[in-house]
């Protein structure tokens, strides 16, 4: 199996693409401030899933990187809320769609961690 078959990775990839596109529409002063931060944190979620997958033989490493992914996901949500509340992002439909996806990914990551904790087996 490949990490690309993980639902959490696929949703994180969607979020990265949507965040990237949205951030490029922000006002110029936000493009390299909050825009850069939200791009980095969303990409970190996906990268942590991949790195954890590469270490999945070691249960605690796998869980550690999934926790890093949750932390970066929370950071992404915070940046999204910041740009919404400061009115740098004004597209309400886009905001709510991204908010919902980020929230959903957080729930999926939590459930995935619980599953790894309960059912972990070293890959063959």
PDB file of N, CA and C in Angstrom:
ATOM      1  N   UNK A   1       0.844  -1.189   0.000  1.00  0.00           N
ATOM      2  CA  UNK A   1       0.000   0.000   0.000  1.00  0.00           C
ATOM      3  C   UNK A   1       0.886   1.248   0.000  1.00  0.00           C
ATOM      4  N   UNK A   2       0.403   2.297  -0.562  1.00  0.00           N
ATOM      5  CA  UNK A   2       1.100   3.578  -0.631  1.00  0.00           C
ATOM      6  C   UNK A   2       0.343   4.608   0.206  1.00  0.00           C
ATOM      7  N   UNK A   3       1.070   5.594   0.728  1.00  0.00           N
ATOM      8  CA  UNK A   3       0.416   6.676   1.469  1.00  0.00           C
ATOM      9  C   UNK A   3      -0.625   7.388   0.616  1.00  0.00           C
ATOM     10  N   UNK A   4      -0.466   7.323  -0.700  1.00  0.00           N
ATOM     11  CA  UNK A   4      -1.419   7.987  -1.597  1.00  0.00           C
ATOM     12  C   UNK A   4      -2.800   7.338  -1.572  1.00  0.00           C
ATOM     13  N   UNK A   5      -2.900   6.166  -0.973  1.00  0.00           N
ATOM     14  CA  UNK A   5      -4.196   5.504  -0.846  1.00  0.00           C
ATOM     15  C   UNK A   5      -4.891   5.856   0.473  1.00  0.00           C
ATOM     16  N   UNK A   6      -4.201   6.588   1.324  1.00  0.00           N
ATOM     17  CA  UNK A   6      -4.800   6.988   2.598  1.00  0.00           C
ATOM     18  C   UNK A   6      -5.787   8.135   2.372  1.00  0.00           C
ATOM     19  N   UNK A   7      -6.981   8.009   2.947  1.00  0.00           N
ATOM     20  CA  UNK A   7      -7.981   9.081   2.824  1.00  0.00           C
ATOM     21  C   UNK A   7      -7.470  10.379   3.429  1.00  0.00           C
ATOM     22  N   UNK A   8      -6.732  10.280   4.539  1.00  0.00           N
ATOM     23  CA  UNK A   8      -6.222  11.498   5.175  1.00  0.00           C
ATOM     24  C   UNK A   8      -5.215  12.213   4.270  1.00  0.00           C
ATOM     25  N   UNK A   9      -4.422  11.455   3.532  1.00  0.00           N
ATOM     26  CA  UNK A   9      -3.470  12.089   2.619  1.00  0.00           C
ATOM     27  C   UNK A   9      -4.208  12.746   1.453  1.00  0.00           C
ATOM     28  N   UNK A  10      -5.202  12.058   0.911  1.00  0.00           N
ATOM     29  CA  UNK A  10      -5.944  12.610  -0.220  1.00  0.00           C
ATOM     30  C   UNK A  10      -6.687  13.886   0.154  1.00  0.00           C
ATOM     31  N   UNK A  11      -7.309  13.907   1.329  1.00  0.00           N
ATOM     32  CA  UNK A  11      -7.989  15.126   1.759  1.00  0.00           C
ATOM     33  C   UNK A  11      -6.977  16.231   2.032  1.00  0.00           C
ATOM     34  N   UNK A  12      -5.852  15.897   2.621  1.00  0.00           N
ATOM     35  CA  UNK A  12      -4.835  16.926   2.874  1.00  0.00           C
ATOM     36  C   UNK A  12      -4.303  17.499   1.563  1.00  0.00           C
ATOM     37  N   UNK A  13      -4.175  16.667   0.545  1.00  0.00           N
ATOM     38  CA  UNK A  13      -3.732  17.146  -0.773  1.00  0.00           C
ATOM     39  C   UNK A  13      -4.743  18.122  -1.361  1.00  0.00           C
ATOM     40  N   UNK A  14      -6.026  17.793  -1.253  1.00  0.00           N
ATOM     41  CA  UNK A  14      -7.077  18.712  -1.729  1.00  0.00           C
ATOM     42  C   UNK A  14      -6.983  20.052  -1.020  1.00  0.00           C
ATOM     43  N   UNK A  15      -6.792  19.991   0.287  1.00  0.00           N
ATOM     44  CA  UNK A  15      -6.709  21.221   1.074  1.00  0.00           C
ATOM     45  C   UNK A  15      -5.505  22.046   0.657  1.00  0.00           C
ATOM     46  N   UNK A  16      -4.360  21.408   0.449  1.00  0.00           N
ATOM     47  CA  UNK A  16      -3.151  22.130   0.015  1.00  0.00           C
ATOM     48  C   UNK A  16      -3.427  22.890  -1.279  1.00  0.00           C
ATOM     49  N   UNK A  17      -4.027  22.223  -2.245  1.00  0.00           N
ATOM     50  CA  UNK A  17      -4.293  22.862  -3.538  1.00  0.00           C
ATOM     51  C   UNK A  17      -5.271  24.024  -3.367  1.00  0.00           C
ATOM     52  N   UNK A  18      -6.340  23.813  -2.620  1.00  0.00           N
ATOM     53  CA  UNK A  18      -7.336  24.869  -2.435  1.00  0.00           C
ATOM     54  C   UNK A  18      -6.784  26.049  -1.633  1.00  0.00           C
ATOM     55  N   UNK A  19      -5.993  25.756  -0.607  1.00  0.00           N
ATOM     56  CA  UNK A  19      -5.372  26.826   0.183  1.00  0.00           C
ATOM     57  C   UNK A  19      -4.407  27.623  -0.689  1.00  0.00           C
ATOM     58  N   UNK A  20      -3.619  26.928  -1.477  1.00  0.00           N
ATOM     59  CA  UNK A  20      -2.661  27.604  -2.353  1.00  0.00           C
ATOM     60  C   UNK A  20      -3.391  28.557  -3.300  1.00  0.00           C
ATOM     61  N   UNK A  21      -4.422  28.048  -3.966  1.00  0.00           N
ATOM     62  CA  UNK A  21      -5.187  28.889  -4.905  1.00  0.00           C
ATOM     63  C   UNK A  21      -5.829  30.074  -4.199  1.00  0.00           C
ATOM     64  N   UNK A  22      -6.436  29.817  -3.021  1.00  0.00           N
ATOM     65  CA  UNK A  22      -7.086  30.881  -2.271  1.00  0.00           C
ATOM     66  C   UNK A  22      -6.075  31.930  -1.831  1.00  0.00           C
ATOM     67  N   UNK A  23      -4.921  31.478  -1.344  1.00  0.00           N
ATOM     68  CA  UNK A  23      -3.935  32.412  -0.794  1.00  0.00           C
ATOM     69  C   UNK A  23      -3.387  33.362  -1.852  1.00  0.00           C
ATOM     70  N   UNK A  24      -3.340  32.916  -3.084  1.00  0.00           N
ATOM     71  CA  UNK A  24      -2.843  33.781  -4.157  1.00  0.00           C
ATOM     72  C   UNK A  24      -3.825  34.886  -4.514  1.00  0.00           C
ATOM     73  N   UNK A  25      -5.052  34.781  -4.014  1.00  0.00           N
ATOM     74  CA  UNK A  25      -6.072  35.804  -4.246  1.00  0.00           C
ATOM     75  C   UNK A  25      -6.143  36.819  -3.105  1.00  0.00           C
ATOM     76  N   UNK A  26      -5.346  36.610  -2.077  1.00  0.00           N
ATOM     77  CA  UNK A  26      -5.348  37.526  -0.937  1.00  0.00           C
ATOM     78  C   UNK A  26      -4.752  38.867  -1.333  1.00  0.00           C
ATOM     79  N   UNK A  27      -5.052  39.924  -0.568  1.00  0.00           N
ATOM     80  CA  UNK A  27      -4.408  41.221  -0.842  1.00  0.00           C
ATOM     81  C   UNK A  27      -2.886  41.081  -0.797  1.00  0.00           C
ATOM     82  N   UNK A  28      -2.198  41.917  -1.549  1.00  0.00           N
ATOM     83  CA  UNK A  28      -0.738  41.828  -1.675  1.00  0.00           C
ATOM     84  C   UNK A  28      -0.040  41.786  -0.313  1.00  0.00           C
ATOM     85  N   UNK A  29      -0.485  42.616   0.637  1.00  0.00           N
ATOM     86  CA  UNK A  29       0.193  42.656   1.929  1.00  0.00           C
ATOM     87  C   UNK A  29       0.052  41.339   2.696  1.00  0.00           C
ATOM     88  N   UNK A  30      -0.966  40.544   2.381  1.00  0.00           N
ATOM     89  CA  UNK A  30      -1.153  39.255   3.048  1.00  0.00           C
ATOM     90  C   UNK A  30      -0.481  38.113   2.302  1.00  0.00           C
ATOM     91  N   UNK A  31      -0.165  38.317   1.052  1.00  0.00           N
ATOM     92  CA  UNK A  31       0.388  37.257   0.227  1.00  0.00           C
ATOM     93  C   UNK A  31       1.630  36.633   0.845  1.00  0.00           C
ATOM     94  N   UNK A  32       2.492  37.458   1.427  1.00  0.00           N
ATOM     95  CA  UNK A  32       3.739  36.955   1.992  1.00  0.00           C
ATOM     96  C   UNK A  32       3.720  36.922   3.515  1.00  0.00           C
ATOM     97  N   UNK A  33       2.604  37.253   4.120  1.00  0.00           N
ATOM     98  CA  UNK A  33       2.479  37.168   5.576  1.00  0.00           C
ATOM     99  C   UNK A  33       1.601  35.975   5.918  1.00  0.00           C
ATOM    100  N   UNK A  34       0.347  36.215   6.182  1.00  0.00           N
ATOM    101  CA  UNK A  34      -0.564  35.120   6.542  1.00  0.00           C
ATOM    102  C   UNK A  34      -0.727  34.138   5.386  1.00  0.00           C
ATOM    103  N   UNK A  35      -0.661  34.638   4.162  1.00  0.00           N
ATOM    104  CA  UNK A  35      -0.774  33.753   2.995  1.00  0.00           C
ATOM    105  C   UNK A  35       0.342  32.720   2.954  1.00  0.00           C
ATOM    106  N   UNK A  36       1.564  33.153   3.221  1.00  0.00           N
ATOM    107  CA  UNK A  36       2.696  32.221   3.235  1.00  0.00           C
ATOM    108  C   UNK A  36       2.569  31.242   4.398  1.00  0.00           C
ATOM    109  N   UNK A  37       2.105  31.737   5.536  1.00  0.00           N
ATOM    110  CA  UNK A  37       1.959  30.886   6.716  1.00  0.00           C
ATOM    111  C   UNK A  37       0.927  29.777   6.485  1.00  0.00           C
ATOM    112  N   UNK A  38      -0.207  30.134   5.903  1.00  0.00           N
ATOM    113  CA  UNK A  38      -1.255  29.127   5.688  1.00  0.00           C
ATOM    114  C   UNK A  38      -0.830  28.119   4.626  1.00  0.00           C
ATOM    115  N   UNK A  39      -0.076  28.571   3.635  1.00  0.00           N
ATOM    116  CA  UNK A  39       0.442  27.620   2.641  1.00  0.00           C
ATOM    117  C   UNK A  39       1.394  26.630   3.298  1.00  0.00           C
ATOM    118  N   UNK A  40       2.309  27.138   4.125  1.00  0.00           N
ATOM    119  CA  UNK A  40       3.282  26.257   4.794  1.00  0.00           C
ATOM    120  C   UNK A  40       2.605  25.278   5.748  1.00  0.00           C
ATOM    121  N   UNK A  41       1.673  25.758   6.555  1.00  0.00           N
ATOM    122  CA  UNK A  41       1.060  24.854   7.535  1.00  0.00           C
ATOM    123  C   UNK A  41       0.209  23.786   6.854  1.00  0.00           C
ATOM    124  N   UNK A  42      -0.481  24.144   5.779  1.00  0.00           N
ATOM    125  CA  UNK A  42      -1.297  23.129   5.089  1.00  0.00           C
ATOM    126  C   UNK A  42      -0.407  22.076   4.430  1.00  0.00           C
ATOM    127  N   UNK A  43       0.734  22.519   3.890  1.00  0.00           N
ATOM    128  CA  UNK A  43       1.669  21.564   3.279  1.00  0.00           C
ATOM    129  C   UNK A  43       2.337  20.692   4.330  1.00  0.00           C
ATOM    130  N   UNK A  44       2.523  21.232   5.530  1.00  0.00           N
ATOM    131  CA  UNK A  44       3.126  20.451   6.608  1.00  0.00           C
ATOM    132  C   UNK A  44       2.231  19.289   7.021  1.00  0.00           C
ATOM    133  N   UNK A  45       0.918  19.481   6.969  1.00  0.00           N
ATOM    134  CA  UNK A  45      -0.011  18.394   7.308  1.00  0.00           C
ATOM    135  C   UNK A  45       0.254  17.206   6.386  1.00  0.00           C
ATOM    136  N   UNK A  46       0.251  17.483   5.108  1.00  0.00           N
ATOM    137  CA  UNK A  46       0.455  16.426   4.114  1.00  0.00           C
ATOM    138  C   UNK A  46       1.835  15.790   4.265  1.00  0.00           C
ATOM    139  N   UNK A  47       2.846  16.611   4.471  1.00  0.00           N
ATOM    140  CA  UNK A  47       4.216  16.102   4.610  1.00  0.00           C
ATOM    141  C   UNK A  47       4.360  15.221   5.850  1.00  0.00           C
ATOM    142  N   UNK A  48       3.716  15.583   6.942  1.00  0.00           N
ATOM    143  CA  UNK A  48       3.799  14.770   8.167  1.00  0.00           C
ATOM    144  C   UNK A  48       3.119  13.423   7.988  1.00  0.00           C
ATOM    145  N   UNK A  49       2.030  13.406   7.241  1.00  0.00           N
ATOM    146  CA  UNK A  49       1.369  12.130   6.947  1.00  0.00           C
ATOM    147  C   UNK A  49       2.325  11.234   6.162  1.00  0.00           C
ATOM    148  N   UNK A  50       2.980  11.801   5.171  1.00  0.00           N
ATOM    149  CA  UNK A  50       3.920  11.042   4.339  1.00  0.00           C
ATOM    150  C   UNK A  50       5.110  10.566   5.168  1.00  0.00           C
ATOM    151  N   UNK A  51       5.689  11.455   5.974  1.00  0.00           N
ATOM    152  CA  UNK A  51       6.855  11.052   6.759  1.00  0.00           C
ATOM    153  C   UNK A  51       6.472   9.994   7.792  1.00  0.00           C
ATOM    154  N   UNK A  52       5.325  10.166   8.425  1.00  0.00           N
ATOM    155  CA  UNK A  52       4.868   9.155   9.377  1.00  0.00           C
ATOM    156  C   UNK A  52       4.632   7.817   8.708  1.00  0.00           C
ATOM    157  N   UNK A  53       4.076   7.860   7.507  1.00  0.00           N
ATOM    158  CA  UNK A  53       3.832   6.624   6.761  1.00  0.00           C
ATOM    159  C   UNK A  53       5.155   5.903   6.504  1.00  0.00           C
ATOM    160  N   UNK A  54       6.180   6.665   6.195  1.00  0.00           N
ATOM    161  CA  UNK A  54       7.493   6.074   5.956  1.00  0.00           C
ATOM    162  C   UNK A  54       8.086   5.429   7.201  1.00  0.00           C
ATOM    163  N   UNK A  55       7.619   5.838   8.370  1.00  0.00           N
ATOM    164  CA  UNK A  55       8.112   5.297   9.639  1.00  0.00           C
ATOM    165  C   UNK A  55       7.078   4.392  10.302  1.00  0.00           C
ATOM    166  N   UNK A  56       6.089   3.945   9.549  1.00  0.00           N
ATOM    167  CA  UNK A  56       4.965   3.203  10.122  1.00  0.00           C
ATOM    168  C   UNK A  56       5.356   1.886  10.776  1.00  0.00           C
ATOM    169  N   UNK A  57       6.540   1.395  10.475  1.00  0.00           N
ATOM    170  CA  UNK A  57       7.008   0.182  11.122  1.00  0.00           C
ATOM    171  C   UNK A  57       7.135   0.408  12.635  1.00  0.00           C
ATOM    172  N   UNK A  58       7.397   1.646  13.005  1.00  0.00           N
ATOM    173  CA  UNK A  58       7.588   2.007  14.401  1.00  0.00           C
ATOM    174  C   UNK A  58       6.351   2.758  14.884  1.00  0.00           C
ATOM    175  N   UNK A  59       5.517   2.084  15.647  1.00  0.00           N
ATOM    176  CA  UNK A  59       4.221   2.613  16.073  1.00  0.00           C
ATOM    177  C   UNK A  59       4.322   4.029  16.636  1.00  0.00           C
ATOM    178  N   UNK A  60       5.252   4.260  17.549  1.00  0.00           N
ATOM    179  CA  UNK A  60       5.333   5.574  18.190  1.00  0.00           C
ATOM    180  C   UNK A  60       5.766   6.668  17.213  1.00  0.00           C
ATOM    181  N   UNK A  61       6.636   6.346  16.263  1.00  0.00           N
ATOM    182  CA  UNK A  61       6.994   7.329  15.232  1.00  0.00           C
ATOM    183  C   UNK A  61       5.793   7.663  14.363  1.00  0.00           C
ATOM    184  N   UNK A  62       5.055   6.652  13.972  1.00  0.00           N
ATOM    185  CA  UNK A  62       3.866   6.820  13.133  1.00  0.00           C
ATOM    186  C   UNK A  62       2.895   7.744  13.848  1.00  0.00           C
ATOM    187  N   UNK A  63       2.643   7.470  15.122  1.00  0.00           N
ATOM    188  CA  UNK A  63       1.714   8.294  15.901  1.00  0.00           C
ATOM    189  C   UNK A  63       2.260   9.709  16.076  1.00  0.00           C
ATOM    190  N   UNK A  64       3.556   9.829  16.345  1.00  0.00           N
ATOM    191  CA  UNK A  64       4.170  11.150  16.540  1.00  0.00           C
ATOM    192  C   UNK A  64       3.945  12.042  15.312  1.00  0.00           C
ATOM    193  N   UNK A  65       4.168  11.489  14.131  1.00  0.00           N
ATOM    194  CA  UNK A  65       3.993  12.308  12.926  1.00  0.00           C
ATOM    195  C   UNK A  65       2.526  12.596  12.634  1.00  0.00           C
ATOM    196  N   UNK A  66       1.653  11.710  13.015  1.00  0.00           N
ATOM    197  CA  UNK A  66       0.217  11.992  12.872  1.00  0.00           C
ATOM    198  C   UNK A  66      -0.201  13.112  13.827  1.00  0.00           C
ATOM    199  N   UNK A  67       0.399  13.140  15.010  1.00  0.00           N
ATOM    200  CA  UNK A  67       0.124  14.232  15.946  1.00  0.00           C
ATOM    201  C   UNK A  67       0.675  15.546  15.395  1.00  0.00           C
ATOM    202  N   UNK A  68       1.851  15.497  14.778  1.00  0.00           N
ATOM    203  CA  UNK A  68       2.373  16.698  14.115  1.00  0.00           C
ATOM    204  C   UNK A  68       1.398  17.166  13.022  1.00  0.00           C
ATOM    205  N   UNK A  69       0.824  16.210  12.300  1.00  0.00           N
ATOM    206  CA  UNK A  69      -0.134  16.561  11.246  1.00  0.00           C
ATOM    207  C   UNK A  69      -1.353  17.261  11.838  1.00  0.00           C
ATOM    208  N   UNK A  70      -1.850  16.755  12.969  1.00  0.00           N
ATOM    209  CA  UNK A  70      -2.995  17.405  13.627  1.00  0.00           C
ATOM    210  C   UNK A  70      -2.618  18.821  14.051  1.00  0.00           C
ATOM    211  N   UNK A  71      -1.432  18.977  14.607  1.00  0.00           N
ATOM    212  CA  UNK A  71      -0.982  20.305  15.048  1.00  0.00           C
ATOM    213  C   UNK A  71      -0.916  21.278  13.877  1.00  0.00           C
ATOM    214  N   UNK A  72      -0.377  20.837  12.769  1.00  0.00           N
ATOM    215  CA  UNK A  72      -0.300  21.702  11.584  1.00  0.00           C
ATOM    216  C   UNK A  72      -1.687  21.969  11.014  1.00  0.00           C
ATOM    217  N   UNK A  73      -2.576  21.002  11.115  1.00  0.00           N
ATOM    218  CA  UNK A  73      -3.948  21.195  10.665  1.00  0.00           C
ATOM    219  C   UNK A  73      -4.631  22.268  11.523  1.00  0.00           C
ATOM    220  N   UNK A  74      -4.419  22.200  12.837  1.00  0.00           N
ATOM    221  CA  UNK A  74      -4.968  23.227  13.732  1.00  0.00           C
ATOM    222  C   UNK A  74      -4.392  24.600  13.395  1.00  0.00           C
ATOM    223  N   UNK A  75      -3.101  24.638  13.099  1.00  0.00           N
ATOM    224  CA  UNK A  75      -2.473  25.902  12.714  1.00  0.00           C
ATOM    225  C   UNK A  75      -3.088  26.440  11.424  1.00  0.00           C
ATOM    226  N   UNK A  76      -3.336  25.558  10.472  1.00  0.00           N
ATOM    227  CA  UNK A  76      -3.964  25.974   9.210  1.00  0.00           C
ATOM    228  C   UNK A  76      -5.339  26.578   9.478  1.00  0.00           C
ATOM    229  N   UNK A  77      -6.100  25.942  10.364  1.00  0.00           N
ATOM    230  CA  UNK A  77      -7.424  26.471  10.717  1.00  0.00           C
ATOM    231  C   UNK A  77      -7.284  27.859  11.337  1.00  0.00           C
ATOM    232  N   UNK A  78      -6.316  28.040  12.214  1.00  0.00           N
ATOM    233  CA  UNK A  78      -6.107  29.341  12.848  1.00  0.00           C
ATOM    234  C   UNK A  78      -5.776  30.412  11.813  1.00  0.00           C
ATOM    235  N   UNK A  79      -4.912  30.107  10.853  1.00  0.00           N
ATOM    236  CA  UNK A  79      -4.582  31.072   9.807  1.00  0.00           C
ATOM    237  C   UNK A  79      -5.806  31.396   8.956  1.00  0.00           C
ATOM    238  N   UNK A  80      -6.594  30.366   8.624  1.00  0.00           N
ATOM    239  CA  UNK A  80      -7.812  30.602   7.838  1.00  0.00           C
ATOM    240  C   UNK A  80      -8.756  31.543   8.581  1.00  0.00           C
ATOM    241  N   UNK A  81      -8.946  31.275   9.858  1.00  0.00           N
ATOM    242  CA  UNK A  81      -9.834  32.132  10.656  1.00  0.00           C
ATOM    243  C   UNK A  81      -9.281  33.547  10.769  1.00  0.00           C
ATOM    244  N   UNK A  82      -7.954  33.683  10.867  1.00  0.00           N
ATOM    245  CA  UNK A  82      -7.346  35.018  10.918  1.00  0.00           C
ATOM    246  C   UNK A  82      -7.630  35.814   9.651  1.00  0.00           C
ATOM    247  N   UNK A  83      -7.418  35.195   8.496  1.00  0.00           N
ATOM    248  CA  UNK A  83      -7.619  35.958   7.257  1.00  0.00           C
ATOM    249  C   UNK A  83      -9.101  36.236   7.007  1.00  0.00           C
ATOM    250  N   UNK A  84      -9.978  35.400   7.545  1.00  0.00           N
ATOM    251  CA  UNK A  84     -11.418  35.655   7.437  1.00  0.00           C
ATOM    252  C   UNK A  84     -11.805  36.811   8.364  1.00  0.00           C
ATOM    253  N   UNK A  85     -11.374  36.740   9.612  1.00  0.00           N
ATOM    254  CA  UNK A  85     -11.762  37.748  10.602  1.00  0.00           C
ATOM    255  C   UNK A  85     -11.171  39.117  10.313  1.00  0.00           C
ATOM    256  N   UNK A  86     -10.027  39.163   9.644  1.00  0.00           N
ATOM    257  CA  UNK A  86      -9.421  40.450   9.272  1.00  0.00           C
ATOM    258  C   UNK A  86      -9.919  40.940   7.916  1.00  0.00           C
ATOM    259  N   UNK A  87     -10.809  40.174   7.324  1.00  0.00           N
ATOM    260  CA  UNK A  87     -11.425  40.514   6.033  1.00  0.00           C
ATOM    261  C   UNK A  87     -10.444  40.512   4.861  1.00  0.00           C
ATOM    262  N   UNK A  88      -9.323  39.809   5.029  1.00  0.00           N
ATOM    263  CA  UNK A  88      -8.423  39.617   3.890  1.00  0.00           C
ATOM    264  C   UNK A  88      -9.022  38.600   2.930  1.00  0.00           C
ATOM    265  N   UNK A  89      -9.776  37.654   3.477  1.00  0.00           N
ATOM    266  CA  UNK A  89     -10.551  36.711   2.681  1.00  0.00           C
ATOM    267  C   UNK A  89     -12.005  37.123   2.814  1.00  0.00           C
ATOM    268  N   UNK A  90     -12.646  37.403   1.689  1.00  0.00           N
ATOM    269  CA  UNK A  90     -14.024  37.876   1.727  1.00  0.00           C
ATOM    270  C   UNK A  90     -15.007  36.921   1.062  1.00  0.00           C
ATOM    271  N   UNK A  91     -14.498  35.867   0.448  1.00  0.00           N
ATOM    272  CA  UNK A  91     -15.351  34.890  -0.223  1.00  0.00           C
ATOM    273  C   UNK A  91     -15.905  33.923   0.827  1.00  0.00           C
ATOM    274  N   UNK A  92     -17.129  34.187   1.259  1.00  0.00           N
ATOM    275  CA  UNK A  92     -17.732  33.410   2.347  1.00  0.00           C
ATOM    276  C   UNK A  92     -17.892  31.937   1.993  1.00  0.00           C
ATOM    277  N   UNK A  93     -18.278  31.652   0.772  1.00  0.00           N
ATOM    278  CA  UNK A  93     -18.452  30.259   0.347  1.00  0.00           C
ATOM    279  C   UNK A  93     -17.115  29.504   0.417  1.00  0.00           C
ATOM    280  N   UNK A  94     -16.068  30.125  -0.067  1.00  0.00           N
ATOM    281  CA  UNK A  94     -14.738  29.507  -0.055  1.00  0.00           C
ATOM    282  C   UNK A  94     -14.258  29.293   1.388  1.00  0.00           C
ATOM    283  N   UNK A  95     -14.476  30.306   2.227  1.00  0.00           N
ATOM    284  CA  UNK A  95     -14.080  30.197   3.635  1.00  0.00           C
ATOM    285  C   UNK A  95     -14.773  29.001   4.293  1.00  0.00           C
ATOM    286  N   UNK A  96     -16.082  28.915   4.157  1.00  0.00           N
ATOM    287  CA  UNK A  96     -16.826  27.830   4.807  1.00  0.00           C
ATOM    288  C   UNK A  96     -16.446  26.458   4.242  1.00  0.00           C
ATOM    289  N   UNK A  97     -16.196  26.383   2.952  1.00  0.00           N
ATOM    290  CA  UNK A  97     -15.794  25.107   2.345  1.00  0.00           C
ATOM    291  C   UNK A  97     -14.433  24.664   2.888  1.00  0.00           C
ATOM    292  N   UNK A  98     -13.483  25.585   2.946  1.00  0.00           N
ATOM    293  CA  UNK A  98     -12.158  25.252   3.484  1.00  0.00           C
ATOM    294  C   UNK A  98     -12.243  24.917   4.972  1.00  0.00           C
ATOM    295  N   UNK A  99     -13.009  25.684   5.696  1.00  0.00           N
ATOM    296  CA  UNK A  99     -13.174  25.454   7.136  1.00  0.00           C
ATOM    297  C   UNK A  99     -13.714  24.045   7.376  1.00  0.00           C
ATOM    298  N   UNK A 100     -14.708  23.656   6.601  1.00  0.00           N
ATOM    299  CA  UNK A 100     -15.323  22.337   6.752  1.00  0.00           C
ATOM    300  C   UNK A 100     -14.314  21.230   6.440  1.00  0.00           C
ATOM    301  N   UNK A 101     -13.529  21.403   5.372  1.00  0.00           N
ATOM    302  CA  UNK A 101     -12.546  20.377   5.002  1.00  0.00           C
ATOM    303  C   UNK A 101     -11.444  20.247   6.045  1.00  0.00           C
ATOM    304  N   UNK A 102     -10.985  21.364   6.559  1.00  0.00           N
ATOM    305  CA  UNK A 102      -9.926  21.333   7.576  1.00  0.00           C
ATOM    306  C   UNK A 102     -10.451  20.683   8.851  1.00  0.00           C
ATOM    307  N   UNK A 103     -11.669  21.022   9.223  1.00  0.00           N
ATOM    308  CA  UNK A 103     -12.294  20.407  10.399  1.00  0.00           C
ATOM    309  C   UNK A 103     -12.468  18.907  10.201  1.00  0.00           C
ATOM    310  N   UNK A 104     -12.921  18.512   9.032  1.00  0.00           N
ATOM    311  CA  UNK A 104     -13.098  17.093   8.715  1.00  0.00           C
ATOM    312  C   UNK A 104     -11.762  16.351   8.771  1.00  0.00           C
ATOM    313  N   UNK A 105     -10.714  16.953   8.236  1.00  0.00           N
ATOM    314  CA  UNK A 105      -9.400  16.315   8.267  1.00  0.00           C
ATOM    315  C   UNK A 105      -8.929  16.114   9.706  1.00  0.00           C
ATOM    316  N   UNK A 106      -9.168  17.087  10.564  1.00  0.00           N
ATOM    317  CA  UNK A 106      -8.800  16.945  11.965  1.00  0.00           C
ATOM    318  C   UNK A 106      -9.488  15.752  12.609  1.00  0.00           C
ATOM    319  N   UNK A 107     -10.760  15.591  12.334  1.00  0.00           N
ATOM    320  CA  UNK A 107     -11.508  14.448  12.873  1.00  0.00           C
ATOM    321  C   UNK A 107     -10.969  13.129  12.316  1.00  0.00           C
ATOM    322  N   UNK A 108     -10.676  13.120  11.033  1.00  0.00           N
ATOM    323  CA  UNK A 108     -10.146  11.905  10.413  1.00  0.00           C
ATOM    324  C   UNK A 108      -8.779  11.544  10.987  1.00  0.00           C
ATOM    325  N   UNK A 109      -7.946  12.546  11.200  1.00  0.00           N
ATOM    326  CA  UNK A 109      -6.630  12.292  11.776  1.00  0.00           C
ATOM    327  C   UNK A 109      -6.752  11.719  13.190  1.00  0.00           C
ATOM    328  N   UNK A 110      -7.658  12.276  13.973  1.00  0.00           N
ATOM    329  CA  UNK A 110      -7.874  11.753  15.327  1.00  0.00           C
ATOM    330  C   UNK A 110      -8.329  10.302  15.301  1.00  0.00           C
ATOM    331  N   UNK A 111      -9.266   9.985  14.428  1.00  0.00           N
ATOM    332  CA  UNK A 111      -9.745   8.595  14.319  1.00  0.00           C
ATOM    333  C   UNK A 111      -8.634   7.676  13.816  1.00  0.00           C
ATOM    334  N   UNK A 112      -7.820   8.178  12.902  1.00  0.00           N
ATOM    335  CA  UNK A 112      -6.728   7.377  12.365  1.00  0.00           C
ATOM    336  C   UNK A 112      -5.707   7.066  13.457  1.00  0.00           C
ATOM    337  N   UNK A 113      -5.387   8.056  14.276  1.00  0.00           N
ATOM    338  CA  UNK A 113      -4.461   7.828  15.391  1.00  0.00           C
ATOM    339  C   UNK A 113      -5.014   6.762  16.327  1.00  0.00           C
ATOM    340  N   UNK A 114      -6.285   6.859  16.642  1.00  0.00           N
ATOM    341  CA  UNK A 114      -6.905   5.854  17.516  1.00  0.00           C
ATOM    342  C   UNK A 114      -6.794   4.461  16.905  1.00  0.00           C
ATOM    343  N   UNK A 115      -6.978   4.371  15.608  1.00  0.00           N
ATOM    344  CA  UNK A 115      -6.875   3.091  14.920  1.00  0.00           C
ATOM    345  C   UNK A 115      -5.448   2.550  14.966  1.00  0.00           C
ATOM    346  N   UNK A 116      -4.476   3.421  14.728  1.00  0.00           N
ATOM    347  CA  UNK A 116      -3.074   2.991  14.781  1.00  0.00           C
ATOM    348  C   UNK A 116      -2.740   2.528  16.199  1.00  0.00           C
ATOM    349  N   UNK A 117      -3.193   3.269  17.197  1.00  0.00           N
ATOM    350  CA  UNK A 117      -2.915   2.883  18.581  1.00  0.00           C
ATOM    351  C   UNK A 117      -3.495   1.504  18.905  1.00  0.00           C
ATOM    352  N   UNK A 118      -4.646   1.230  18.373  1.00  0.00           N
ATOM    353  CA  UNK A 118      -5.349  -0.017  18.707  1.00  0.00           C
ATOM    354  C   UNK A 118      -4.909  -1.199  17.849  1.00  0.00           C
ATOM    355  N   UNK A 119      -4.658  -0.970  16.561  1.00  0.00           N
ATOM    356  CA  UNK A 119      -4.476  -2.076  15.613  1.00  0.00           C
ATOM    357  C   UNK A 119      -3.117  -2.112  14.942  1.00  0.00           C
ATOM    358  N   UNK A 120      -2.138  -1.385  15.433  1.00  0.00           N
ATOM    359  CA  UNK A 120      -0.848  -1.302  14.737  1.00  0.00           C
ATOM    360  C   UNK A 120      -0.178  -2.664  14.585  1.00  0.00           C
ATOM    361  N   UNK A 121       0.267  -2.904  13.380  1.00  0.00           N
ATOM    362  CA  UNK A 121       1.111  -4.069  13.086  1.00  0.00           C
ATOM    363  C   UNK A 121       2.232  -3.566  12.194  1.00  0.00           C
ATOM    364  N   UNK A 122       3.416  -4.043  12.431  1.00  0.00           N
ATOM    365  CA  UNK A 122       4.544  -3.658  11.576  1.00  0.00           C
ATOM    366  C   UNK A 122       4.306  -4.158  10.161  1.00  0.00           C
ATOM    367  N   UNK A 123       4.588  -3.321   9.161  1.00  0.00           N
ATOM    368  CA  UNK A 123       4.405  -3.767   7.783  1.00  0.00           C
ATOM    369  C   UNK A 123       5.313  -4.955   7.455  1.00  0.00           C
ATOM    370  N   UNK A 124       4.850  -5.779   6.598  1.00  0.00           N
ATOM    371  CA  UNK A 124       5.616  -6.976   6.214  1.00  0.00           C
ATOM    372  C   UNK A 124       6.575  -6.618   5.106  1.00  0.00           C
TER     373      UNK A 124
END
